[in-house]
Every structure is written in structure tokens, then in C-alpha cells.
Amino acid sequence: MPNESQPDFAAAKTVDFEQIPVVDISDIHTKDGFGRIAQELVKTAEEIGFFYIKGHGIDPRQIENAFAASNGSLPFPQLTKARLR
């Protein structure tokens, strides 16, 4: 049972995949941006449990390469990969 200082993350509500919030962090380095974004991330993590990040500045090709590397590039049979999950 969580105490007063710890949120009950197990109580986060269920949402459809399309309803996962998107948090824009593009102004994280501005005067008020860091605090506002931090509050939004904490609130979203407590209430939903998941979020997407946009405005991070990572090159889309680098993201695509990371997804490609993680999607079946391991030389293990599917049965072995399923056991690793």
C-alpha cells in the first residue's frame, strides 16, 4: 500500500493506445519550460502511466534505425525471442 508521499502507480487509468498523451518538451531549456514539463510528465505518469515525447530534437533517421535494430534483428529463433520477453 503506497504511503502519502508515494503515488499509487497501479491505480493509473486504462486508456486506448490512441489516447496515450503526447508531451512536447521542445521548450525544456526555457526559463519556465523545465518545471512545467517536469510537472506534466509526473502528472501524466501518475494518471496514465505512459506518454509519448515530441520536440526532443532526435533525428528521425536515428529513431528509425533504433526501431529497425530492435525489430527482429537479433539472430534468435522466434521461440527463443518469445521466452526473452
C-alpha atoms as a PDB file:
ATOM      1  CA  MET A   1       0.000   0.000   0.000  1.00  0.00           C
ATOM      2  CA  PRO A   2       1.557   3.341  -1.007  1.00  0.00           C
ATOM      3  CA  ASN A   3       2.025   5.988   1.637  1.00  0.00           C
ATOM      4  CA  GLU A   4       1.075   9.661   1.321  1.00  0.00           C
ATOM      5  CA  SER A   5       4.382  10.630  -0.334  1.00  0.00           C
ATOM      6  CA  GLN A   6       4.277   7.890  -2.996  1.00  0.00           C
ATOM      7  CA  PRO A   7       1.691   7.781  -5.783  1.00  0.00           C
ATOM      8  CA  ASP A   8      -0.203   4.551  -6.390  1.00  0.00           C
ATOM      9  CA  PHE A   9       1.013   3.828  -9.914  1.00  0.00           C
ATOM     10  CA  ALA A  10      -1.086   0.658 -10.030  1.00  0.00           C
ATOM     11  CA  ALA A  11      -4.156   2.877  -9.880  1.00  0.00           C
ATOM     12  CA  ALA A  12      -3.339   4.624 -13.177  1.00  0.00           C
ATOM     13  CA  LYS A  13      -6.320   4.542 -15.510  1.00  0.00           C
ATOM     14  CA  THR A  14      -6.546   2.432 -18.639  1.00  0.00           C
ATOM     15  CA  VAL A  15      -6.589   4.263 -21.982  1.00  0.00           C
ATOM     16  CA  ASP A  16      -6.710   3.170 -25.591  1.00  0.00           C
ATOM     17  CA  PHE A  17      -3.422   3.184 -27.490  1.00  0.00           C
ATOM     18  CA  GLU A  18      -4.557   6.240 -29.455  1.00  0.00           C
ATOM     19  CA  GLN A  19      -5.268   8.143 -26.226  1.00  0.00           C
ATOM     20  CA  ILE A  20      -1.732   7.974 -24.832  1.00  0.00           C
ATOM     21  CA  PRO A  21      -0.768  11.607 -24.171  1.00  0.00           C
ATOM     22  CA  VAL A  22       1.945  13.377 -26.162  1.00  0.00           C
ATOM     23  CA  VAL A  23       4.225  15.637 -24.134  1.00  0.00           C
ATOM     24  CA  ASP A  24       6.099  18.324 -26.060  1.00  0.00           C
ATOM     25  CA  ILE A  25       9.480  19.014 -24.462  1.00  0.00           C
ATOM     26  CA  SER A  26      10.753  21.461 -27.082  1.00  0.00           C
ATOM     27  CA  ASP A  27      10.919  24.354 -24.593  1.00  0.00           C
ATOM     28  CA  ILE A  28      12.591  22.376 -21.790  1.00  0.00           C
ATOM     29  CA  HIS A  29      15.572  24.756 -21.830  1.00  0.00           C
ATOM     30  CA  THR A  30      13.497  27.926 -21.424  1.00  0.00           C
ATOM     31  CA  LYS A  31      13.059  29.814 -18.155  1.00  0.00           C
ATOM     32  CA  ASP A  32       9.803  28.137 -17.150  1.00  0.00           C
ATOM     33  CA  GLY A  33       9.902  25.150 -19.502  1.00  0.00           C
ATOM     34  CA  PHE A  34      11.771  22.658 -17.340  1.00  0.00           C
ATOM     35  CA  GLY A  35       9.466  22.975 -14.338  1.00  0.00           C
ATOM     36  CA  ARG A  36       6.294  22.964 -16.415  1.00  0.00           C
ATOM     37  CA  ILE A  37       7.381  19.918 -18.409  1.00  0.00           C
ATOM     38  CA  ALA A  38       8.523  18.084 -15.274  1.00  0.00           C
ATOM     39  CA  GLN A  39       5.107  18.668 -13.679  1.00  0.00           C
ATOM     40  CA  GLU A  40       3.335  17.484 -16.823  1.00  0.00           C
ATOM     41  CA  LEU A  41       5.446  14.312 -17.012  1.00  0.00           C
ATOM     42  CA  VAL A  42       4.865  13.462 -13.347  1.00  0.00           C
ATOM     43  CA  LYS A  43       1.121  14.118 -13.623  1.00  0.00           C
ATOM     44  CA  THR A  44       0.854  12.031 -16.792  1.00  0.00           C
ATOM     45  CA  ALA A  45       2.910   9.185 -15.309  1.00  0.00           C
ATOM     46  CA  GLU A  46       0.722   9.156 -12.194  1.00  0.00           C
ATOM     47  CA  GLU A  47      -2.602   9.362 -14.020  1.00  0.00           C
ATOM     48  CA  ILE A  48      -1.954   7.387 -17.227  1.00  0.00           C
ATOM     49  CA  GLY A  49       1.348   5.597 -16.756  1.00  0.00           C
ATOM     50  CA  PHE A  50       2.581   6.118 -20.321  1.00  0.00           C
ATOM     51  CA  PHE A  51       3.291   9.043 -22.616  1.00  0.00           C
ATOM     52  CA  TYR A  52       4.907   9.913 -25.917  1.00  0.00           C
ATOM     53  CA  ILE A  53       7.603  12.588 -26.135  1.00  0.00           C
ATOM     54  CA  LYS A  54       7.860  15.047 -29.011  1.00  0.00           C
ATOM     55  CA  GLY A  55      10.100  18.042 -29.507  1.00  0.00           C
ATOM     56  CA  HIS A  56      13.162  16.130 -28.273  1.00  0.00           C
ATOM     57  CA  GLY A  57      15.331  17.022 -31.263  1.00  0.00           C
ATOM     58  CA  ILE A  58      16.444  13.465 -32.045  1.00  0.00           C
ATOM     59  CA  ASP A  59      16.945  12.924 -35.767  1.00  0.00           C
ATOM     60  CA  PRO A  60      14.036  10.833 -37.145  1.00  0.00           C
ATOM     61  CA  ARG A  61      16.527   8.624 -39.015  1.00  0.00           C
ATOM     62  CA  GLN A  62      18.207   7.760 -35.734  1.00  0.00           C
ATOM     63  CA  ILE A  63      14.823   6.761 -34.261  1.00  0.00           C
ATOM     64  CA  GLU A  64      14.009   4.662 -37.337  1.00  0.00           C
ATOM     65  CA  ASN A  65      17.400   2.957 -37.074  1.00  0.00           C
ATOM     66  CA  ALA A  66      16.817   2.154 -33.400  1.00  0.00           C
ATOM     67  CA  PHE A  67      13.397   0.632 -34.159  1.00  0.00           C
ATOM     68  CA  ALA A  68      14.840  -1.325 -37.078  1.00  0.00           C
ATOM     69  CA  ALA A  69      17.627  -2.651 -34.864  1.00  0.00           C
ATOM     70  CA  SER A  70      15.134  -3.771 -32.230  1.00  0.00           C
ATOM     71  CA  ASN A  71      12.636  -5.378 -34.634  1.00  0.00           C
ATOM     72  CA  GLY A  72      13.834  -8.883 -35.331  1.00  0.00           C
ATOM     73  CA  SER A  73      17.456  -8.099 -35.948  1.00  0.00           C
ATOM     74  CA  LEU A  74      18.510 -10.487 -33.192  1.00  0.00           C
ATOM     75  CA  PRO A  75      19.660 -13.763 -34.742  1.00  0.00           C
ATOM     76  CA  PHE A  76      17.499 -15.855 -32.390  1.00  0.00           C
ATOM     77  CA  PRO A  77      14.590 -18.062 -33.460  1.00  0.00           C
ATOM     78  CA  GLN A  78      11.139 -16.597 -32.720  1.00  0.00           C
ATOM     79  CA  LEU A  79      10.546 -19.135 -29.919  1.00  0.00           C
ATOM     80  CA  THR A  80      13.712 -18.024 -28.134  1.00  0.00           C
ATOM     81  CA  LYS A  81      12.793 -14.355 -28.522  1.00  0.00           C
ATOM     82  CA  ALA A  82       9.328 -15.038 -27.094  1.00  0.00           C
ATOM     83  CA  ARG A  83      10.896 -16.584 -23.982  1.00  0.00           C
ATOM     84  CA  LEU A  84      13.073 -13.473 -23.508  1.00  0.00           C
ATOM     85  CA  ARG A  85      10.059 -11.181 -23.314  1.00  0.00           C
END
